[in-house]
PDB file of all heavy atoms in Angstrom:
ATOM      1  N   MET A   1     -31.058  -5.681  31.370  1.00  0.00           N
ATOM      2  CA  MET A   1     -30.408  -6.358  32.498  1.00  0.00           C
ATOM      3  C   MET A   1     -28.882  -6.078  32.581  1.00  0.00           C
ATOM      4  O   MET A   1     -28.364  -5.890  33.621  1.00  0.00           O
ATOM      5  CB  MET A   1     -30.713  -7.846  32.517  1.00  0.00           C
ATOM      6  CG  MET A   1     -32.124  -8.157  32.899  1.00  0.00           C
ATOM      7  SD  MET A   1     -32.484  -7.417  34.485  1.00  0.00           S
ATOM      8  CE  MET A   1     -34.219  -7.623  34.563  1.00  0.00           C
ATOM      9  N   PRO A   2     -28.153  -6.077  31.440  1.00  0.00           N
ATOM     10  CA  PRO A   2     -26.727  -5.701  31.573  1.00  0.00           C
ATOM     11  C   PRO A   2     -26.545  -4.264  32.087  1.00  0.00           C
ATOM     12  O   PRO A   2     -25.610  -3.979  32.793  1.00  0.00           O
ATOM     13  CB  PRO A   2     -26.226  -5.812  30.106  1.00  0.00           C
ATOM     14  CG  PRO A   2     -27.110  -6.793  29.479  1.00  0.00           C
ATOM     15  CD  PRO A   2     -28.461  -6.575  30.081  1.00  0.00           C
ATOM     16  N   MET A   3     -27.496  -3.382  31.730  1.00  0.00           N
ATOM     17  CA  MET A   3     -27.426  -1.992  32.238  1.00  0.00           C
ATOM     18  C   MET A   3     -27.590  -1.982  33.750  1.00  0.00           C
ATOM     19  O   MET A   3     -26.869  -1.323  34.450  1.00  0.00           O
ATOM     20  CB  MET A   3     -28.458  -1.149  31.574  1.00  0.00           C
ATOM     21  CG  MET A   3     -28.192  -0.921  30.058  1.00  0.00           C
ATOM     22  SD  MET A   3     -29.651  -0.171  29.347  1.00  0.00           S
ATOM     23  CE  MET A   3     -28.881   1.318  28.777  1.00  0.00           C
ATOM     24  N   VAL A   4     -28.640  -2.650  34.199  1.00  0.00           N
ATOM     25  CA  VAL A   4     -28.964  -2.693  35.629  1.00  0.00           C
ATOM     26  C   VAL A   4     -27.841  -3.357  36.364  1.00  0.00           C
ATOM     27  O   VAL A   4     -27.391  -2.878  37.456  1.00  0.00           O
ATOM     28  CB  VAL A   4     -30.274  -3.471  35.889  1.00  0.00           C
ATOM     29  CG1 VAL A   4     -30.526  -3.642  37.351  1.00  0.00           C
ATOM     30  CG2 VAL A   4     -31.460  -2.654  35.220  1.00  0.00           C
ATOM     31  N   THR A   5     -27.297  -4.407  35.885  1.00  0.00           N
ATOM     32  CA  THR A   5     -26.203  -5.118  36.507  1.00  0.00           C
ATOM     33  C   THR A   5     -24.915  -4.223  36.510  1.00  0.00           C
ATOM     34  O   THR A   5     -24.219  -4.223  37.498  1.00  0.00           O
ATOM     35  CB  THR A   5     -25.896  -6.435  35.780  1.00  0.00           C
ATOM     36  OG1 THR A   5     -27.103  -7.191  35.675  1.00  0.00           O
ATOM     37  CG2 THR A   5     -24.836  -7.226  36.423  1.00  0.00           C
ATOM     38  N   GLY A   6     -24.744  -3.467  35.489  1.00  0.00           N
ATOM     39  CA  GLY A   6     -23.602  -2.541  35.470  1.00  0.00           C
ATOM     40  C   GLY A   6     -23.714  -1.447  36.521  1.00  0.00           C
ATOM     41  O   GLY A   6     -22.716  -1.027  37.102  1.00  0.00           O
ATOM     42  N   LEU A   7     -24.894  -1.086  36.891  1.00  0.00           N
ATOM     43  CA  LEU A   7     -25.136  -0.069  37.901  1.00  0.00           C
ATOM     44  C   LEU A   7     -24.656  -0.569  39.276  1.00  0.00           C
ATOM     45  O   LEU A   7     -24.328   0.252  40.160  1.00  0.00           O
ATOM     46  CB  LEU A   7     -26.551   0.406  37.948  1.00  0.00           C
ATOM     47  CG  LEU A   7     -27.027   1.168  36.665  1.00  0.00           C
ATOM     48  CD1 LEU A   7     -28.513   1.473  36.747  1.00  0.00           C
ATOM     49  CD2 LEU A   7     -26.211   2.446  36.452  1.00  0.00           C
ATOM     50  N   ILE A   8     -24.688  -1.864  39.489  1.00  0.00           N
ATOM     51  CA  ILE A   8     -24.214  -2.404  40.729  1.00  0.00           C
ATOM     52  C   ILE A   8     -22.706  -2.152  40.936  1.00  0.00           C
ATOM     53  O   ILE A   8     -22.245  -1.959  42.040  1.00  0.00           O
ATOM     54  CB  ILE A   8     -24.433  -3.941  40.750  1.00  0.00           C
ATOM     55  CG1 ILE A   8     -25.992  -4.186  40.849  1.00  0.00           C
ATOM     56  CG2 ILE A   8     -23.747  -4.637  41.904  1.00  0.00           C
ATOM     57  CD1 ILE A   8     -26.408  -5.677  40.719  1.00  0.00           C
ATOM     58  N   MET A   9     -22.024  -2.003  39.816  1.00  0.00           N
ATOM     59  CA  MET A   9     -20.584  -1.700  39.925  1.00  0.00           C
ATOM     60  C   MET A   9     -20.313  -0.298  40.499  1.00  0.00           C
ATOM     61  O   MET A   9     -19.230  -0.097  41.028  1.00  0.00           O
ATOM     62  CB  MET A   9     -19.938  -1.764  38.524  1.00  0.00           C
ATOM     63  CG  MET A   9     -19.858  -3.155  37.952  1.00  0.00           C
ATOM     64  SD  MET A   9     -18.864  -4.198  38.988  1.00  0.00           S
ATOM     65  CE  MET A   9     -19.554  -5.774  38.575  1.00  0.00           C
ATOM     66  N   ILE A  10     -21.267   0.602  40.443  1.00  0.00           N
ATOM     67  CA  ILE A  10     -21.131   1.929  41.015  1.00  0.00           C
ATOM     68  C   ILE A  10     -20.954   1.726  42.515  1.00  0.00           C
ATOM     69  O   ILE A  10     -19.980   2.237  43.145  1.00  0.00           O
ATOM     70  CB  ILE A  10     -22.323   2.781  40.777  1.00  0.00           C
ATOM     71  CG1 ILE A  10     -22.406   3.149  39.247  1.00  0.00           C
ATOM     72  CG2 ILE A  10     -22.194   4.073  41.591  1.00  0.00           C
ATOM     73  CD1 ILE A  10     -23.718   3.866  38.910  1.00  0.00           C
ATOM     74  N   MET A  11     -21.810   0.933  43.119  1.00  0.00           N
ATOM     75  CA  MET A  11     -21.755   0.710  44.573  1.00  0.00           C
ATOM     76  C   MET A  11     -20.453  -0.030  44.927  1.00  0.00           C
ATOM     77  O   MET A  11     -19.791   0.290  45.904  1.00  0.00           O
ATOM     78  CB  MET A  11     -22.956  -0.081  45.039  1.00  0.00           C
ATOM     79  CG  MET A  11     -22.970  -0.247  46.530  1.00  0.00           C
ATOM     80  SD  MET A  11     -24.491  -0.870  47.253  1.00  0.00           S
ATOM     81  CE  MET A  11     -24.929  -2.194  46.211  1.00  0.00           C
ATOM     82  N   LEU A  12     -20.100  -1.042  44.171  1.00  0.00           N
ATOM     83  CA  LEU A  12     -18.867  -1.776  44.460  1.00  0.00           C
ATOM     84  C   LEU A  12     -17.633  -0.899  44.386  1.00  0.00           C
ATOM     85  O   LEU A  12     -16.769  -0.976  45.192  1.00  0.00           O
ATOM     86  CB  LEU A  12     -18.706  -2.959  43.516  1.00  0.00           C
ATOM     87  CG  LEU A  12     -19.579  -4.203  43.821  1.00  0.00           C
ATOM     88  CD1 LEU A  12     -19.419  -5.249  42.757  1.00  0.00           C
ATOM     89  CD2 LEU A  12     -19.117  -4.754  45.176  1.00  0.00           C
ATOM     90  N   LYS A  13     -17.569  -0.103  43.343  1.00  0.00           N
ATOM     91  CA  LYS A  13     -16.423   0.762  43.174  1.00  0.00           C
ATOM     92  C   LYS A  13     -16.309   1.792  44.322  1.00  0.00           C
ATOM     93  O   LYS A  13     -15.267   2.059  44.860  1.00  0.00           O
ATOM     94  CB  LYS A  13     -16.482   1.552  41.827  1.00  0.00           C
ATOM     95  CG  LYS A  13     -15.261   2.395  41.605  1.00  0.00           C
ATOM     96  CD  LYS A  13     -15.230   2.962  40.218  1.00  0.00           C
ATOM     97  CE  LYS A  13     -14.056   3.638  39.995  1.00  0.00           C
ATOM     98  NZ  LYS A  13     -13.353   4.555  39.862  1.00  0.00           N
ATOM     99  N   ARG A  14     -17.461   2.395  44.722  1.00  0.00           N
ATOM    100  CA  ARG A  14     -17.438   3.387  45.772  1.00  0.00           C
ATOM    101  C   ARG A  14     -17.201   2.776  47.148  1.00  0.00           C
ATOM    102  O   ARG A  14     -16.506   3.356  47.927  1.00  0.00           O
ATOM    103  CB  ARG A  14     -18.751   4.169  45.802  1.00  0.00           C
ATOM    104  CG  ARG A  14     -19.093   4.875  44.557  1.00  0.00           C
ATOM    105  CD  ARG A  14     -18.697   6.276  44.358  1.00  0.00           C
ATOM    106  NE  ARG A  14     -18.747   7.039  45.598  1.00  0.00           N
ATOM    107  CZ  ARG A  14     -18.002   8.075  45.827  1.00  0.00           C
ATOM    108  NH1 ARG A  14     -17.164   8.530  44.905  1.00  0.00           N
ATOM    109  NH2 ARG A  14     -18.093   8.784  46.958  1.00  0.00           N
ATOM    110  N   ALA A  15     -17.782   1.598  47.379  1.00  0.00           N
ATOM    111  CA  ALA A  15     -17.671   1.012  48.717  1.00  0.00           C
ATOM    112  C   ALA A  15     -16.382   0.201  48.907  1.00  0.00           C
ATOM    113  O   ALA A  15     -15.768   0.241  50.003  1.00  0.00           O
ATOM    114  CB  ALA A  15     -18.831   0.082  48.961  1.00  0.00           C
ATOM    115  N   CYS A  16     -15.920  -0.463  47.844  1.00  0.00           N
ATOM    116  CA  CYS A  16     -14.787  -1.364  48.050  1.00  0.00           C
ATOM    117  C   CYS A  16     -13.532  -0.938  47.282  1.00  0.00           C
ATOM    118  O   CYS A  16     -12.416  -1.398  47.577  1.00  0.00           O
ATOM    119  CB  CYS A  16     -15.184  -2.765  47.544  1.00  0.00           C
ATOM    120  SG  CYS A  16     -16.570  -3.489  48.451  1.00  0.00           S
ATOM    121  N   GLY A  17     -13.705  -0.113  46.272  1.00  0.00           N
ATOM    122  CA  GLY A  17     -12.559   0.359  45.474  1.00  0.00           C
ATOM    123  C   GLY A  17     -12.545  -0.275  44.121  1.00  0.00           C
ATOM    124  O   GLY A  17     -13.160  -1.301  43.861  1.00  0.00           O
ATOM    125  N   THR A  18     -11.752   0.311  43.203  1.00  0.00           N
ATOM    126  CA  THR A  18     -11.658  -0.152  41.833  1.00  0.00           C
ATOM    127  C   THR A  18     -11.154  -1.620  41.677  1.00  0.00           C
ATOM    128  O   THR A  18     -11.739  -2.340  40.907  1.00  0.00           O
ATOM    129  CB  THR A  18     -10.771   0.795  40.999  1.00  0.00           C
ATOM    130  OG1 THR A  18     -11.339   2.104  41.124  1.00  0.00           O
ATOM    131  CG2 THR A  18     -10.712   0.420  39.544  1.00  0.00           C
ATOM    132  N   PRO A  19     -10.087  -2.011  42.430  1.00  0.00           N
ATOM    133  CA  PRO A  19      -9.645  -3.379  42.246  1.00  0.00           C
ATOM    134  C   PRO A  19     -10.689  -4.451  42.592  1.00  0.00           C
ATOM    135  O   PRO A  19     -10.859  -5.437  41.872  1.00  0.00           O
ATOM    136  CB  PRO A  19      -8.447  -3.545  43.173  1.00  0.00           C
ATOM    137  CG  PRO A  19      -7.987  -2.132  43.405  1.00  0.00           C
ATOM    138  CD  PRO A  19      -9.191  -1.268  43.310  1.00  0.00           C
ATOM    139  N   TRP A  20     -11.502  -4.172  43.602  1.00  0.00           N
ATOM    140  CA  TRP A  20     -12.520  -5.117  44.004  1.00  0.00           C
ATOM    141  C   TRP A  20     -13.681  -5.120  42.940  1.00  0.00           C
ATOM    142  O   TRP A  20     -14.233  -6.121  42.621  1.00  0.00           O
ATOM    143  CB  TRP A  20     -13.086  -4.758  45.361  1.00  0.00           C
ATOM    144  CG  TRP A  20     -12.137  -5.088  46.443  1.00  0.00           C
ATOM    145  CD1 TRP A  20     -11.204  -4.312  47.014  1.00  0.00           C
ATOM    146  CD2 TRP A  20     -12.025  -6.377  47.123  1.00  0.00           C
ATOM    147  NE1 TRP A  20     -10.490  -4.964  47.940  1.00  0.00           N
ATOM    148  CE2 TRP A  20     -10.972  -6.233  48.057  1.00  0.00           C
ATOM    149  CE3 TRP A  20     -12.658  -7.620  46.968  1.00  0.00           C
ATOM    150  CZ2 TRP A  20     -10.566  -7.326  48.837  1.00  0.00           C
ATOM    151  CZ3 TRP A  20     -12.268  -8.672  47.756  1.00  0.00           C
ATOM    152  CH2 TRP A  20     -11.219  -8.533  48.658  1.00  0.00           C
ATOM    153  N   ALA A  21     -13.993  -3.914  42.439  1.00  0.00           N
ATOM    154  CA  ALA A  21     -15.044  -3.815  41.381  1.00  0.00           C
ATOM    155  C   ALA A  21     -14.616  -4.537  40.139  1.00  0.00           C
ATOM    156  O   ALA A  21     -15.396  -5.256  39.493  1.00  0.00           O
ATOM    157  CB  ALA A  21     -15.374  -2.345  41.120  1.00  0.00           C
ATOM    158  N   VAL A  22     -13.346  -4.370  39.751  1.00  0.00           N
ATOM    159  CA  VAL A  22     -12.836  -5.099  38.574  1.00  0.00           C
ATOM    160  C   VAL A  22     -12.854  -6.589  38.801  1.00  0.00           C
ATOM    161  O   VAL A  22     -13.211  -7.349  37.889  1.00  0.00           O
ATOM    162  CB  VAL A  22     -11.414  -4.587  38.219  1.00  0.00           C
ATOM    163  CG1 VAL A  22     -10.768  -5.449  37.172  1.00  0.00           C
ATOM    164  CG2 VAL A  22     -11.480  -3.138  37.796  1.00  0.00           C
ATOM    165  N   THR A  23     -12.512  -7.024  40.004  1.00  0.00           N
ATOM    166  CA  THR A  23     -12.514  -8.475  40.270  1.00  0.00           C
ATOM    167  C   THR A  23     -13.950  -9.007  40.219  1.00  0.00           C
ATOM    168  O   THR A  23     -14.173 -10.093  39.634  1.00  0.00           O
ATOM    169  CB  THR A  23     -11.966  -8.714  41.692  1.00  0.00           C
ATOM    170  OG1 THR A  23     -10.632  -8.288  41.754  1.00  0.00           O
ATOM    171  CG2 THR A  23     -11.939 -10.194  42.057  1.00  0.00           C
ATOM    172  N   ALA A  24     -14.876  -8.240  40.760  1.00  0.00           N
ATOM    173  CA  ALA A  24     -16.321  -8.627  40.662  1.00  0.00           C
ATOM    174  C   ALA A  24     -16.761  -8.707  39.186  1.00  0.00           C
ATOM    175  O   ALA A  24     -17.492  -9.605  38.762  1.00  0.00           O
ATOM    176  CB  ALA A  24     -17.161  -7.703  41.486  1.00  0.00           C
ATOM    177  N   PHE A  25     -16.357  -7.703  38.422  1.00  0.00           N
ATOM    178  CA  PHE A  25     -16.694  -7.672  37.003  1.00  0.00           C
ATOM    179  C   PHE A  25     -16.201  -8.936  36.273  1.00  0.00           C
ATOM    180  O   PHE A  25     -16.903  -9.553  35.520  1.00  0.00           O
ATOM    181  CB  PHE A  25     -16.156  -6.419  36.323  1.00  0.00           C
ATOM    182  CG  PHE A  25     -16.104  -6.502  34.825  1.00  0.00           C
ATOM    183  CD1 PHE A  25     -17.342  -6.477  34.096  1.00  0.00           C
ATOM    184  CD2 PHE A  25     -14.950  -6.586  34.120  1.00  0.00           C
ATOM    185  CE1 PHE A  25     -17.305  -6.571  32.710  1.00  0.00           C
ATOM    186  CE2 PHE A  25     -14.895  -6.704  32.734  1.00  0.00           C
ATOM    187  CZ  PHE A  25     -16.120  -6.655  32.063  1.00  0.00           C
ATOM    188  N   VAL A  26     -14.947  -9.291  36.547  1.00  0.00           N
ATOM    189  CA  VAL A  26     -14.356 -10.441  35.869  1.00  0.00           C
ATOM    190  C   VAL A  26     -15.053 -11.707  36.281  1.00  0.00           C
ATOM    191  O   VAL A  26     -15.368 -12.580  35.494  1.00  0.00           O
ATOM    192  CB  VAL A  26     -12.804 -10.546  36.176  1.00  0.00           C
ATOM    193  CG1 VAL A  26     -12.222 -11.819  35.709  1.00  0.00           C
ATOM    194  CG2 VAL A  26     -12.087  -9.357  35.534  1.00  0.00           C
ATOM    195  N   SER A  27     -15.389 -11.820  37.579  1.00  0.00           N
ATOM    196  CA  SER A  27     -16.037 -13.051  38.043  1.00  0.00           C
ATOM    197  C   SER A  27     -17.480 -13.142  37.496  1.00  0.00           C
ATOM    198  O   SER A  27     -17.906 -14.206  37.110  1.00  0.00           O
ATOM    199  CB  SER A  27     -16.061 -13.142  39.587  1.00  0.00           C
ATOM    200  OG  SER A  27     -16.841 -12.105  40.147  1.00  0.00           O
ATOM    201  N   VAL A  28     -18.187 -12.043  37.470  1.00  0.00           N
ATOM    202  CA  VAL A  28     -19.552 -12.072  36.871  1.00  0.00           C
ATOM    203  C   VAL A  28     -19.465 -12.361  35.394  1.00  0.00           C
ATOM    204  O   VAL A  28     -20.256 -13.139  34.902  1.00  0.00           O
ATOM    205  CB  VAL A  28     -20.248 -10.706  37.112  1.00  0.00           C
ATOM    206  CG1 VAL A  28     -21.527 -10.593  36.309  1.00  0.00           C
ATOM    207  CG2 VAL A  28     -20.557 -10.496  38.600  1.00  0.00           C
ATOM    208  N   SER A  29     -18.482 -11.830  34.710  1.00  0.00           N
ATOM    209  CA  SER A  29     -18.322 -12.114  33.302  1.00  0.00           C
ATOM    210  C   SER A  29     -18.069 -13.563  33.069  1.00  0.00           C
ATOM    211  O   SER A  29     -18.740 -14.195  32.194  1.00  0.00           O
ATOM    212  CB  SER A  29     -17.139 -11.301  32.713  1.00  0.00           C
ATOM    213  OG  SER A  29     -17.369  -9.919  32.822  1.00  0.00           O
ATOM    214  N   PHE A  30     -17.169 -14.164  33.811  1.00  0.00           N
ATOM    215  CA  PHE A  30     -16.909 -15.618  33.679  1.00  0.00           C
ATOM    216  C   PHE A  30     -18.104 -16.431  33.992  1.00  0.00           C
ATOM    217  O   PHE A  30     -18.510 -17.338  33.212  1.00  0.00           O
ATOM    218  CB  PHE A  30     -15.674 -16.022  34.492  1.00  0.00           C
ATOM    219  CG  PHE A  30     -15.399 -17.419  34.472  1.00  0.00           C
ATOM    220  CD1 PHE A  30     -14.722 -17.990  33.341  1.00  0.00           C
ATOM    221  CD2 PHE A  30     -15.697 -18.282  35.484  1.00  0.00           C
ATOM    222  CE1 PHE A  30     -14.430 -19.311  33.263  1.00  0.00           C
ATOM    223  CE2 PHE A  30     -15.400 -19.643  35.443  1.00  0.00           C
ATOM    224  CZ  PHE A  30     -14.772 -20.164  34.312  1.00  0.00           C
ATOM    225  N   LEU A  31     -18.704 -16.233  35.133  1.00  0.00           N
ATOM    226  CA  LEU A  31     -19.852 -16.992  35.584  1.00  0.00           C
ATOM    227  C   LEU A  31     -21.030 -16.851  34.593  1.00  0.00           C
ATOM    228  O   LEU A  31     -21.705 -17.809  34.296  1.00  0.00           O
ATOM    229  CB  LEU A  31     -20.314 -16.604  37.001  1.00  0.00           C
ATOM    230  CG  LEU A  31     -19.359 -17.085  38.123  1.00  0.00           C
ATOM    231  CD1 LEU A  31     -19.715 -16.493  39.433  1.00  0.00           C
ATOM    232  CD2 LEU A  31     -19.315 -18.642  38.219  1.00  0.00           C
ATOM    233  N   SER A  32     -21.299 -15.616  34.192  1.00  0.00           N
ATOM    234  CA  SER A  32     -22.478 -15.443  33.332  1.00  0.00           C
ATOM    235  C   SER A  32     -22.207 -16.103  31.917  1.00  0.00           C
ATOM    236  O   SER A  32     -23.115 -16.627  31.306  1.00  0.00           O
ATOM    237  CB  SER A  32     -22.745 -13.960  33.160  1.00  0.00           C
ATOM    238  OG  SER A  32     -21.720 -13.263  32.552  1.00  0.00           O
ATOM    239  N   PHE A  33     -20.961 -16.038  31.474  1.00  0.00           N
ATOM    240  CA  PHE A  33     -20.636 -16.689  30.186  1.00  0.00           C
ATOM    241  C   PHE A  33     -20.894 -18.215  30.319  1.00  0.00           C
ATOM    242  O   PHE A  33     -21.276 -18.859  29.329  1.00  0.00           O
ATOM    243  CB  PHE A  33     -19.213 -16.422  29.786  1.00  0.00           C
ATOM    244  CG  PHE A  33     -18.936 -16.769  28.362  1.00  0.00           C
ATOM    245  CD1 PHE A  33     -19.378 -15.943  27.325  1.00  0.00           C
ATOM    246  CD2 PHE A  33     -18.261 -17.936  28.047  1.00  0.00           C
ATOM    247  CE1 PHE A  33     -19.137 -16.271  26.019  1.00  0.00           C
ATOM    248  CE2 PHE A  33     -18.035 -18.252  26.707  1.00  0.00           C
ATOM    249  CZ  PHE A  33     -18.452 -17.397  25.707  1.00  0.00           C
ATOM    250  N   MET A  34     -20.644 -18.763  31.490  1.00  0.00           N
ATOM    251  CA  MET A  34     -20.824 -20.199  31.653  1.00  0.00           C
ATOM    252  C   MET A  34     -22.262 -20.613  31.967  1.00  0.00           C
ATOM    253  O   MET A  34     -22.737 -21.669  31.572  1.00  0.00           O
ATOM    254  CB  MET A  34     -19.943 -20.725  32.822  1.00  0.00           C
ATOM    255  CG  MET A  34     -18.455 -20.457  32.586  1.00  0.00           C
ATOM    256  SD  MET A  34     -17.861 -21.141  31.005  1.00  0.00           S
ATOM    257  CE  MET A  34     -17.309 -22.725  31.570  1.00  0.00           C
ATOM    258  N   LEU A  35     -23.028 -19.693  32.632  1.00  0.00           N
ATOM    259  CA  LEU A  35     -24.340 -20.084  33.158  1.00  0.00           C
ATOM    260  C   LEU A  35     -25.496 -19.475  32.447  1.00  0.00           C
ATOM    261  O   LEU A  35     -26.621 -19.994  32.489  1.00  0.00           O
ATOM    262  CB  LEU A  35     -24.413 -19.680  34.657  1.00  0.00           C
ATOM    263  CG  LEU A  35     -23.441 -20.342  35.586  1.00  0.00           C
ATOM    264  CD1 LEU A  35     -23.584 -19.763  36.976  1.00  0.00           C
ATOM    265  CD2 LEU A  35     -23.676 -21.867  35.618  1.00  0.00           C
ATOM    266  N   VAL A  36     -25.369 -18.317  31.806  1.00  0.00           N
ATOM    267  CA  VAL A  36     -26.509 -17.614  31.169  1.00  0.00           C
ATOM    268  C   VAL A  36     -26.595 -18.045  29.754  1.00  0.00           C
ATOM    269  O   VAL A  36     -25.651 -17.967  29.005  1.00  0.00           O
ATOM    270  CB  VAL A  36     -26.290 -16.065  31.315  1.00  0.00           C
ATOM    271  CG1 VAL A  36     -27.418 -15.317  30.649  1.00  0.00           C
ATOM    272  CG2 VAL A  36     -26.222 -15.697  32.795  1.00  0.00           C
ATOM    273  N   ALA A  37     -27.807 -18.429  29.359  1.00  0.00           N
ATOM    274  CA  ALA A  37     -28.062 -18.890  28.007  1.00  0.00           C
ATOM    275  C   ALA A  37     -28.067 -17.811  26.976  1.00  0.00           C
ATOM    276  O   ALA A  37     -27.714 -18.014  25.830  1.00  0.00           O
ATOM    277  CB  ALA A  37     -29.349 -19.689  27.930  1.00  0.00           C
ATOM    278  N   ASP A  38     -28.500 -16.619  27.318  1.00  0.00           N
ATOM    279  CA  ASP A  38     -28.672 -15.505  26.334  1.00  0.00           C
ATOM    280  C   ASP A  38     -27.320 -14.852  26.084  1.00  0.00           C
ATOM    281  O   ASP A  38     -26.820 -14.066  26.868  1.00  0.00           O
ATOM    282  CB  ASP A  38     -29.696 -14.496  26.858  1.00  0.00           C
ATOM    283  CG  ASP A  38     -30.050 -13.450  25.818  1.00  0.00           C
ATOM    284  OD1 ASP A  38     -29.367 -13.340  24.776  1.00  0.00           O
ATOM    285  OD2 ASP A  38     -31.002 -12.683  26.083  1.00  0.00           O
ATOM    286  N   ARG A  39     -26.738 -15.186  24.956  1.00  0.00           N
ATOM    287  CA  ARG A  39     -25.389 -14.677  24.621  1.00  0.00           C
ATOM    288  C   ARG A  39     -25.355 -13.200  24.402  1.00  0.00           C
ATOM    289  O   ARG A  39     -24.345 -12.521  24.713  1.00  0.00           O
ATOM    290  CB  ARG A  39     -24.843 -15.438  23.420  1.00  0.00           C
ATOM    291  CG  ARG A  39     -24.549 -16.828  23.688  1.00  0.00           C
ATOM    292  CD  ARG A  39     -23.414 -16.991  24.624  1.00  0.00           C
ATOM    293  NE  ARG A  39     -23.334 -18.377  25.168  1.00  0.00           N
ATOM    294  CZ  ARG A  39     -22.955 -18.661  26.325  1.00  0.00           C
ATOM    295  NH1 ARG A  39     -22.677 -17.745  27.219  1.00  0.00           N
ATOM    296  NH2 ARG A  39     -22.927 -19.895  26.722  1.00  0.00           N
ATOM    297  N   GLU A  40     -26.437 -12.647  23.837  1.00  0.00           N
ATOM    298  CA  GLU A  40     -26.500 -11.194  23.613  1.00  0.00           C
ATOM    299  C   GLU A  40     -26.440 -10.464  24.915  1.00  0.00           C
ATOM    300  O   GLU A  40     -25.670  -9.521  25.049  1.00  0.00           O
ATOM    301  CB  GLU A  40     -27.758 -10.864  22.850  1.00  0.00           C
ATOM    302  CG  GLU A  40     -27.768  -9.428  22.387  1.00  0.00           C
ATOM    303  CD  GLU A  40     -28.900  -9.184  21.361  1.00  0.00           C
ATOM    304  OE1 GLU A  40     -29.841 -10.005  21.304  1.00  0.00           O
ATOM    305  OE2 GLU A  40     -28.835  -8.202  20.683  1.00  0.00           O
TER     306      GLU A  40
END
């Protein structure tokens, strides 16, 4: 699942640009750390 989720960043980077993809990465990282039980 982290691999599949990482592949979404390809589309974000190409469609919106690197700053938007990095912002999405940071928000997903924060939200998943707070909401997802599987730490690994």
